[in-house]
Amino acid sequence: VGVLQKSYDMLFEEETEIDFQQEATDDNLLTSPKDWKEKNYSEEQQLKAPRGIIFETRIEASRVLRQIGNDRVSNGNIDDALGAYRRALWHVDFDEGYVQLEMLPEHQHTVYEAQTPIRLNLAQCLLKQAGSVPVSEAARQLDLVLEAVEKYQLDGKWQTKALYWRAKARLAAGVYDQAESDLVKAVTHDPNDKLIRSALADVRHQRRQLRQDQRSLYQGKLVQSSNENDDNRWRCLLS
């Protein structure tokens, strides 16, 4: 019975998700950005510093690391920027149940106000990478931005940016109709944004081109089928 029970437990054992950020943490370092400055921590030390237990410390640490990510983007170091943004997000990644049940509304707002620009920047960096996995993760980050903006009434400019970049992600995935839908919403929020209007025009052009290509392909198959039928009839006459 003991062996059977052990086998049963192993079969339904919950998988434990590895916290790569925790594994990259140096617990000998201090948690506060104020201490980082006083101790003259390097960027790498700041990126390895553990999470603090004080709410304000974690918010400030996230802000500092996001700026490191921004600086790396400015220098063209997209991969390194991704690491900084992921670390910045980790500092403000509070348990969702704790956020909803224990935090005051103003603290909830602060958390998502800190997370949102990081997710936006993270998504933009992911879209600069090749492959379907970064595109999928970028879209997921932007979904979370849009949910937070609506639920916590965050700055509307973030909603417009998230719609624009999610359209880019959907376009990269070949989902033209959803990309167009996002850009239409973005234009509604900011009708004077030339970048968004240009992107919308491009998507519509690509959709028209795709439909035209599909029609041409379909017509080509019909012609081929007709020719094959003619050949078959000719063979019948010869026999």
C-alpha atoms as a PDB file:
ATOM      1  CA  VAL A   1       0.000   0.000   0.000  1.00  0.00           C
ATOM      2  CA  GLY A   2       2.858   2.350   0.850  1.00  0.00           C
ATOM      3  CA  VAL A   3       4.405   1.885  -2.593  1.00  0.00           C
ATOM      4  CA  LEU A   4       1.054   2.455  -4.309  1.00  0.00           C
ATOM      5  CA  GLN A   5       0.410   5.590  -2.275  1.00  0.00           C
ATOM      6  CA  LYS A   6       3.890   6.912  -3.102  1.00  0.00           C
ATOM      7  CA  SER A   7       3.312   6.261  -6.809  1.00  0.00           C
ATOM      8  CA  TYR A   8      -0.062   8.017  -6.616  1.00  0.00           C
ATOM      9  CA  ASP A   9       1.485  11.020  -4.864  1.00  0.00           C
ATOM     10  CA  MET A  10       4.236  11.231  -7.477  1.00  0.00           C
ATOM     11  CA  LEU A  11       1.665  11.071 -10.276  1.00  0.00           C
ATOM     12  CA  PHE A  12      -0.244  14.073  -8.969  1.00  0.00           C
ATOM     13  CA  GLU A  13       2.687  15.956  -7.484  1.00  0.00           C
ATOM     14  CA  GLU A  14       2.433  19.665  -8.214  1.00  0.00           C
ATOM     15  CA  GLU A  15       5.144  21.104 -10.420  1.00  0.00           C
ATOM     16  CA  THR A  16       7.192  23.796  -8.731  1.00  0.00           C
ATOM     17  CA  GLU A  17       7.954  26.780 -10.914  1.00  0.00           C
ATOM     18  CA  ILE A  18      11.584  27.828 -10.790  1.00  0.00           C
ATOM     19  CA  ASP A  19      12.094  31.448  -9.768  1.00  0.00           C
ATOM     20  CA  PHE A  20      15.038  32.366 -11.960  1.00  0.00           C
ATOM     21  CA  GLN A  21      15.151  35.875 -10.517  1.00  0.00           C
ATOM     22  CA  GLN A  22      15.489  34.510  -6.996  1.00  0.00           C
ATOM     23  CA  GLU A  23      18.267  32.204  -8.170  1.00  0.00           C
ATOM     24  CA  ALA A  24      20.096  35.225  -9.613  1.00  0.00           C
ATOM     25  CA  THR A  25      19.871  37.087  -6.304  1.00  0.00           C
ATOM     26  CA  ASP A  26      22.859  37.801  -4.074  1.00  0.00           C
ATOM     27  CA  ASP A  27      21.429  37.873  -0.555  1.00  0.00           C
ATOM     28  CA  ASN A  28      24.582  39.531   0.753  1.00  0.00           C
ATOM     29  CA  LEU A  29      23.634  42.749  -1.032  1.00  0.00           C
ATOM     30  CA  LEU A  30      21.412  45.450   0.443  1.00  0.00           C
ATOM     31  CA  THR A  31      17.825  45.980  -0.690  1.00  0.00           C
ATOM     32  CA  SER A  32      17.416  49.754  -0.702  1.00  0.00           C
ATOM     33  CA  PRO A  33      18.387  51.944  -3.694  1.00  0.00           C
ATOM     34  CA  LYS A  34      19.501  54.534  -1.153  1.00  0.00           C
ATOM     35  CA  ASP A  35      22.050  52.038   0.151  1.00  0.00           C
ATOM     36  CA  TRP A  36      23.017  51.096  -3.396  1.00  0.00           C
ATOM     37  CA  LYS A  37      23.972  54.683  -4.012  1.00  0.00           C
ATOM     38  CA  GLU A  38      25.869  55.047  -0.742  1.00  0.00           C
ATOM     39  CA  LYS A  39      27.754  51.796  -1.326  1.00  0.00           C
ATOM     40  CA  ASN A  40      28.385  52.758  -4.955  1.00  0.00           C
ATOM     41  CA  TYR A  41      26.886  49.516  -6.279  1.00  0.00           C
ATOM     42  CA  SER A  42      27.557  48.705  -9.919  1.00  0.00           C
ATOM     43  CA  GLU A  43      24.644  48.053 -12.259  1.00  0.00           C
ATOM     44  CA  GLU A  44      25.254  44.327 -11.973  1.00  0.00           C
ATOM     45  CA  GLN A  45      25.132  44.509  -8.183  1.00  0.00           C
ATOM     46  CA  GLN A  46      21.903  46.492  -8.317  1.00  0.00           C
ATOM     47  CA  LEU A  47      20.428  43.880 -10.643  1.00  0.00           C
ATOM     48  CA  LYS A  48      21.367  41.113  -8.193  1.00  0.00           C
ATOM     49  CA  ALA A  49      20.102  42.856  -5.059  1.00  0.00           C
ATOM     50  CA  PRO A  50      17.339  41.036  -3.149  1.00  0.00           C
ATOM     51  CA  ARG A  51      13.772  42.269  -2.805  1.00  0.00           C
ATOM     52  CA  GLY A  52      13.075  44.363   0.237  1.00  0.00           C
ATOM     53  CA  ILE A  53      10.311  43.791   2.765  1.00  0.00           C
ATOM     54  CA  ILE A  54       9.206  47.433   2.719  1.00  0.00           C
ATOM     55  CA  PHE A  55       6.659  48.359   0.055  1.00  0.00           C
ATOM     56  CA  GLU A  56       8.227  51.700  -0.850  1.00  0.00           C
ATOM     57  CA  THR A  57      11.680  50.110  -1.149  1.00  0.00           C
ATOM     58  CA  ARG A  58      10.455  47.627  -3.717  1.00  0.00           C
ATOM     59  CA  ILE A  59       8.713  50.335  -5.736  1.00  0.00           C
ATOM     60  CA  GLU A  60      11.847  52.497  -5.775  1.00  0.00           C
ATOM     61  CA  ALA A  61      14.110  49.543  -6.637  1.00  0.00           C
ATOM     62  CA  SER A  62      11.862  48.760  -9.570  1.00  0.00           C
ATOM     63  CA  ARG A  63      12.048  52.362 -10.780  1.00  0.00           C
ATOM     64  CA  VAL A  64      15.864  52.379 -10.626  1.00  0.00           C
ATOM     65  CA  LEU A  65      16.163  49.090 -12.516  1.00  0.00           C
ATOM     66  CA  ARG A  66      13.671  50.233 -15.145  1.00  0.00           C
ATOM     67  CA  GLN A  67      15.900  53.236 -15.771  1.00  0.00           C
ATOM     68  CA  ILE A  68      18.861  50.895 -16.228  1.00  0.00           C
ATOM     69  CA  GLY A  69      16.795  49.083 -18.841  1.00  0.00           C
ATOM     70  CA  ASN A  70      15.945  52.366 -20.569  1.00  0.00           C
ATOM     71  CA  ASP A  71      19.616  53.349 -20.675  1.00  0.00           C
ATOM     72  CA  ARG A  72      20.532  50.007 -22.200  1.00  0.00           C
ATOM     73  CA  VAL A  73      17.872  50.406 -24.885  1.00  0.00           C
ATOM     74  CA  SER A  74      19.281  53.846 -25.698  1.00  0.00           C
ATOM     75  CA  ASN A  75      22.680  52.192 -26.172  1.00  0.00           C
ATOM     76  CA  GLY A  76      21.207  49.486 -28.399  1.00  0.00           C
ATOM     77  CA  ASN A  77      21.674  46.684 -25.849  1.00  0.00           C
ATOM     78  CA  ILE A  78      18.255  45.076 -26.224  1.00  0.00           C
ATOM     79  CA  ASP A  79      19.121  41.710 -24.640  1.00  0.00           C
ATOM     80  CA  ASP A  80      20.658  43.374 -21.586  1.00  0.00           C
ATOM     81  CA  ALA A  81      17.688  45.735 -21.368  1.00  0.00           C
ATOM     82  CA  LEU A  82      15.354  42.744 -21.265  1.00  0.00           C
ATOM     83  CA  GLY A  83      17.224  41.424 -18.243  1.00  0.00           C
ATOM     84  CA  ALA A  84      16.898  44.755 -16.455  1.00  0.00           C
ATOM     85  CA  TYR A  85      13.184  45.025 -17.210  1.00  0.00           C
ATOM     86  CA  ARG A  86      12.516  41.487 -16.014  1.00  0.00           C
ATOM     87  CA  ARG A  87      14.370  42.248 -12.804  1.00  0.00           C
ATOM     88  CA  ALA A  88      12.489  45.525 -12.345  1.00  0.00           C
ATOM     89  CA  LEU A  89       9.191  43.694 -12.778  1.00  0.00           C
ATOM     90  CA  TRP A  90      10.252  41.041 -10.270  1.00  0.00           C
ATOM     91  CA  HIS A  91      10.652  43.676  -7.559  1.00  0.00           C
ATOM     92  CA  VAL A  92       7.008  44.766  -7.944  1.00  0.00           C
ATOM     93  CA  ASP A  93       5.626  41.288  -8.595  1.00  0.00           C
ATOM     94  CA  PHE A  94       3.450  40.980  -5.507  1.00  0.00           C
ATOM     95  CA  ASP A  95       1.185  37.988  -4.930  1.00  0.00           C
ATOM     96  CA  GLU A  96      -2.114  38.766  -6.668  1.00  0.00           C
ATOM     97  CA  GLY A  97      -4.183  37.517  -3.744  1.00  0.00           C
ATOM     98  CA  TYR A  98      -2.235  39.746  -1.369  1.00  0.00           C
ATOM     99  CA  VAL A  99      -2.694  42.736  -3.668  1.00  0.00           C
ATOM    100  CA  GLN A 100      -6.447  42.230  -3.944  1.00  0.00           C
ATOM    101  CA  LEU A 101      -7.219  41.290  -0.341  1.00  0.00           C
ATOM    102  CA  GLU A 102      -4.626  43.034   1.809  1.00  0.00           C
ATOM    103  CA  MET A 103      -3.492  46.196   0.012  1.00  0.00           C
ATOM    104  CA  LEU A 104      -5.212  49.542   0.265  1.00  0.00           C
ATOM    105  CA  PRO A 105      -6.607  50.875  -3.042  1.00  0.00           C
ATOM    106  CA  GLU A 106      -3.881  53.513  -3.277  1.00  0.00           C
ATOM    107  CA  HIS A 107      -1.198  50.831  -2.870  1.00  0.00           C
ATOM    108  CA  GLN A 108      -2.859  48.671  -5.526  1.00  0.00           C
ATOM    109  CA  HIS A 109      -2.791  51.651  -7.874  1.00  0.00           C
ATOM    110  CA  THR A 110       0.892  52.241  -7.100  1.00  0.00           C
ATOM    111  CA  VAL A 111       1.789  48.613  -7.863  1.00  0.00           C
ATOM    112  CA  TYR A 112       0.148  48.603 -11.272  1.00  0.00           C
ATOM    113  CA  GLU A 113       1.405  52.087 -12.024  1.00  0.00           C
ATOM    114  CA  ALA A 114       4.915  50.723 -11.445  1.00  0.00           C
ATOM    115  CA  GLN A 115       4.357  47.513 -13.422  1.00  0.00           C
ATOM    116  CA  THR A 116       2.716  49.048 -16.490  1.00  0.00           C
ATOM    117  CA  PRO A 117       5.619  51.014 -18.053  1.00  0.00           C
ATOM    118  CA  ILE A 118       7.934  48.067 -17.398  1.00  0.00           C
ATOM    119  CA  ARG A 119       5.595  45.687 -19.216  1.00  0.00           C
ATOM    120  CA  LEU A 120       5.316  48.137 -22.117  1.00  0.00           C
ATOM    121  CA  ASN A 121       9.092  48.444 -22.442  1.00  0.00           C
ATOM    122  CA  LEU A 122       9.556  44.707 -22.021  1.00  0.00           C
ATOM    123  CA  ALA A 123       7.063  44.032 -24.810  1.00  0.00           C
ATOM    124  CA  GLN A 124       8.804  46.447 -27.170  1.00  0.00           C
ATOM    125  CA  CYS A 125      12.149  44.727 -26.574  1.00  0.00           C
ATOM    126  CA  LEU A 126      10.607  41.297 -27.115  1.00  0.00           C
ATOM    127  CA  LEU A 127       9.157  42.404 -30.448  1.00  0.00           C
ATOM    128  CA  LYS A 128      12.658  43.289 -31.608  1.00  0.00           C
ATOM    129  CA  GLN A 129      13.631  39.638 -31.214  1.00  0.00           C
ATOM    130  CA  ALA A 130      12.945  36.942 -33.783  1.00  0.00           C
ATOM    131  CA  GLY A 131      10.600  34.005 -33.279  1.00  0.00           C
ATOM    132  CA  SER A 132       7.074  33.251 -32.147  1.00  0.00           C
ATOM    133  CA  VAL A 133       7.891  32.874 -28.437  1.00  0.00           C
ATOM    134  CA  PRO A 134       8.959  36.521 -27.883  1.00  0.00           C
ATOM    135  CA  VAL A 135       5.913  37.699 -29.866  1.00  0.00           C
ATOM    136  CA  SER A 136       3.612  35.570 -27.724  1.00  0.00           C
ATOM    137  CA  GLU A 137       5.166  36.848 -24.494  1.00  0.00           C
ATOM    138  CA  ALA A 138       4.975  40.439 -25.729  1.00  0.00           C
ATOM    139  CA  ALA A 139       1.263  40.039 -26.452  1.00  0.00           C
ATOM    140  CA  ARG A 140       0.717  38.584 -22.978  1.00  0.00           C
ATOM    141  CA  GLN A 141       2.500  41.520 -21.324  1.00  0.00           C
ATOM    142  CA  LEU A 142       0.370  43.967 -23.305  1.00  0.00           C
ATOM    143  CA  ASP A 143      -2.822  42.124 -22.365  1.00  0.00           C
ATOM    144  CA  LEU A 144      -1.865  42.637 -18.719  1.00  0.00           C
ATOM    145  CA  VAL A 145      -1.227  46.337 -19.331  1.00  0.00           C
ATOM    146  CA  LEU A 146      -4.655  46.817 -20.878  1.00  0.00           C
ATOM    147  CA  GLU A 147      -6.339  44.929 -18.037  1.00  0.00           C
ATOM    148  CA  ALA A 148      -4.566  47.047 -15.413  1.00  0.00           C
ATOM    149  CA  VAL A 149      -5.282  50.352 -17.167  1.00  0.00           C
ATOM    150  CA  GLU A 150      -8.985  49.570 -17.313  1.00  0.00           C
ATOM    151  CA  LYS A 151      -9.299  48.089 -13.828  1.00  0.00           C
ATOM    152  CA  TYR A 152      -7.248  50.695 -11.969  1.00  0.00           C
ATOM    153  CA  GLN A 153      -7.959  53.695 -14.217  1.00  0.00           C
ATOM    154  CA  LEU A 154      -4.320  54.308 -15.028  1.00  0.00           C
ATOM    155  CA  ASP A 155      -2.997  56.915 -17.460  1.00  0.00           C
ATOM    156  CA  GLY A 156      -4.814  56.585 -20.786  1.00  0.00           C
ATOM    157  CA  LYS A 157      -1.603  57.086 -22.763  1.00  0.00           C
ATOM    158  CA  TRP A 158      -0.508  53.624 -21.618  1.00  0.00           C
ATOM    159  CA  GLN A 159      -3.676  52.128 -23.065  1.00  0.00           C
ATOM    160  CA  THR A 160      -2.967  53.752 -26.429  1.00  0.00           C
ATOM    161  CA  LYS A 161       0.638  52.528 -26.422  1.00  0.00           C
ATOM    162  CA  ALA A 162      -0.400  49.021 -25.396  1.00  0.00           C
ATOM    163  CA  LEU A 163      -2.966  48.837 -28.205  1.00  0.00           C
ATOM    164  CA  TYR A 164      -0.371  50.021 -30.721  1.00  0.00           C
ATOM    165  CA  TRP A 165       2.264  47.513 -29.642  1.00  0.00           C
ATOM    166  CA  ARG A 166      -0.210  44.656 -29.288  1.00  0.00           C
ATOM    167  CA  ALA A 167      -1.241  45.377 -32.874  1.00  0.00           C
ATOM    168  CA  LYS A 168       2.435  45.039 -33.806  1.00  0.00           C
ATOM    169  CA  ALA A 169       2.581  41.694 -31.988  1.00  0.00           C
ATOM    170  CA  ARG A 170      -0.582  40.453 -33.683  1.00  0.00           C
ATOM    171  CA  LEU A 171       0.699  41.619 -37.045  1.00  0.00           C
ATOM    172  CA  ALA A 172       3.922  39.666 -36.460  1.00  0.00           C
ATOM    173  CA  ALA A 173       1.771  36.623 -35.676  1.00  0.00           C
ATOM    174  CA  GLY A 174      -0.213  37.128 -38.898  1.00  0.00           C
ATOM    175  CA  VAL A 175      -3.478  38.008 -37.132  1.00  0.00           C
ATOM    176  CA  TYR A 176      -4.332  40.968 -39.345  1.00  0.00           C
ATOM    177  CA  ASP A 177      -7.967  41.472 -38.324  1.00  0.00           C
ATOM    178  CA  GLN A 178      -7.141  41.715 -34.611  1.00  0.00           C
ATOM    179  CA  ALA A 179      -4.180  43.985 -35.347  1.00  0.00           C
ATOM    180  CA  GLU A 180      -6.469  46.313 -37.278  1.00  0.00           C
ATOM    181  CA  SER A 181      -9.014  46.246 -34.444  1.00  0.00           C
ATOM    182  CA  ASP A 182      -6.359  47.323 -31.918  1.00  0.00           C
ATOM    183  CA  LEU A 183      -5.171  50.165 -34.150  1.00  0.00           C
ATOM    184  CA  VAL A 184      -8.720  51.398 -34.723  1.00  0.00           C
ATOM    185  CA  LYS A 185      -9.142  51.618 -30.940  1.00  0.00           C
ATOM    186  CA  ALA A 186      -5.769  53.346 -30.596  1.00  0.00           C
ATOM    187  CA  VAL A 187      -6.716  55.937 -33.224  1.00  0.00           C
ATOM    188  CA  THR A 188      -9.946  56.567 -31.336  1.00  0.00           C
ATOM    189  CA  HIS A 189      -7.914  57.382 -28.221  1.00  0.00           C
ATOM    190  CA  ASP A 190      -5.382  59.529 -30.073  1.00  0.00           C
ATOM    191  CA  PRO A 191      -6.595  60.541 -33.547  1.00  0.00           C
ATOM    192  CA  ASN A 192      -3.626  62.871 -34.115  1.00  0.00           C
ATOM    193  CA  ASP A 193      -0.899  60.271 -33.637  1.00  0.00           C
ATOM    194  CA  LYS A 194       0.731  59.951 -37.067  1.00  0.00           C
ATOM    195  CA  LEU A 195       2.563  56.746 -36.137  1.00  0.00           C
ATOM    196  CA  ILE A 196      -0.667  54.956 -35.242  1.00  0.00           C
ATOM    197  CA  ARG A 197      -2.516  56.244 -38.308  1.00  0.00           C
ATOM    198  CA  SER A 198       0.357  55.137 -40.531  1.00  0.00           C
ATOM    199  CA  ALA A 199       0.382  51.682 -38.921  1.00  0.00           C
ATOM    200  CA  LEU A 200      -3.379  51.377 -39.448  1.00  0.00           C
ATOM    201  CA  ALA A 201      -3.004  52.288 -43.128  1.00  0.00           C
ATOM    202  CA  ASP A 202      -0.222  49.700 -43.491  1.00  0.00           C
ATOM    203  CA  VAL A 203      -2.302  46.950 -41.875  1.00  0.00           C
ATOM    204  CA  ARG A 204      -5.271  47.690 -44.097  1.00  0.00           C
ATOM    205  CA  HIS A 205      -3.018  47.628 -47.150  1.00  0.00           C
ATOM    206  CA  GLN A 206      -1.567  44.282 -46.078  1.00  0.00           C
ATOM    207  CA  ARG A 207      -5.053  42.860 -45.517  1.00  0.00           C
ATOM    208  CA  ARG A 208      -6.138  43.954 -48.994  1.00  0.00           C
ATOM    209  CA  GLN A 209      -2.981  42.464 -50.484  1.00  0.00           C
ATOM    210  CA  LEU A 210      -3.556  39.212 -48.600  1.00  0.00           C
ATOM    211  CA  ARG A 211      -7.144  38.956 -49.859  1.00  0.00           C
ATOM    212  CA  GLN A 212      -5.968  39.670 -53.396  1.00  0.00           C
ATOM    213  CA  ASP A 213      -3.271  36.993 -53.161  1.00  0.00           C
ATOM    214  CA  GLN A 214      -5.801  34.495 -51.829  1.00  0.00           C
ATOM    215  CA  ARG A 215      -8.202  35.243 -54.690  1.00  0.00           C
ATOM    216  CA  SER A 216      -5.393  34.870 -57.229  1.00  0.00           C
ATOM    217  CA  LEU A 217      -4.360  31.564 -55.690  1.00  0.00           C
ATOM    218  CA  TYR A 218      -7.944  30.292 -55.717  1.00  0.00           C
ATOM    219  CA  GLN A 219      -8.478  31.379 -59.333  1.00  0.00           C
ATOM    220  CA  GLY A 220      -5.202  29.725 -60.308  1.00  0.00           C
ATOM    221  CA  LYS A 221      -6.384  26.443 -58.812  1.00  0.00           C
ATOM    222  CA  LEU A 222      -9.661  26.701 -60.732  1.00  0.00           C
ATOM    223  CA  VAL A 223      -7.791  27.248 -64.015  1.00  0.00           C
ATOM    224  CA  GLN A 224      -5.482  24.330 -63.260  1.00  0.00           C
ATOM    225  CA  SER A 225      -8.455  22.102 -62.484  1.00  0.00           C
ATOM    226  CA  SER A 226     -10.169  23.143 -65.727  1.00  0.00           C
ATOM    227  CA  ASN A 227      -7.040  22.388 -67.761  1.00  0.00           C
ATOM    228  CA  GLU A 228      -6.716  18.969 -66.145  1.00  0.00           C
ATOM    229  CA  ASN A 229     -10.332  18.181 -67.060  1.00  0.00           C
ATOM    230  CA  ASP A 230      -9.666  19.218 -70.682  1.00  0.00           C
ATOM    231  CA  ASP A 231      -6.621  16.939 -70.782  1.00  0.00           C
ATOM    232  CA  ASN A 232      -8.670  14.049 -69.463  1.00  0.00           C
ATOM    233  CA  ARG A 233     -11.356  14.572 -72.098  1.00  0.00           C
ATOM    234  CA  TRP A 234      -8.675  14.673 -74.821  1.00  0.00           C
ATOM    235  CA  ARG A 235      -7.193  11.420 -73.575  1.00  0.00           C
ATOM    236  CA  CYS A 236     -10.628   9.827 -73.745  1.00  0.00           C
ATOM    237  CA  LEU A 237     -10.942  10.869 -77.386  1.00  0.00           C
ATOM    238  CA  LEU A 238      -7.529   9.398 -78.197  1.00  0.00           C
ATOM    239  CA  SER A 239      -8.329   6.037 -76.651  1.00  0.00           C
END
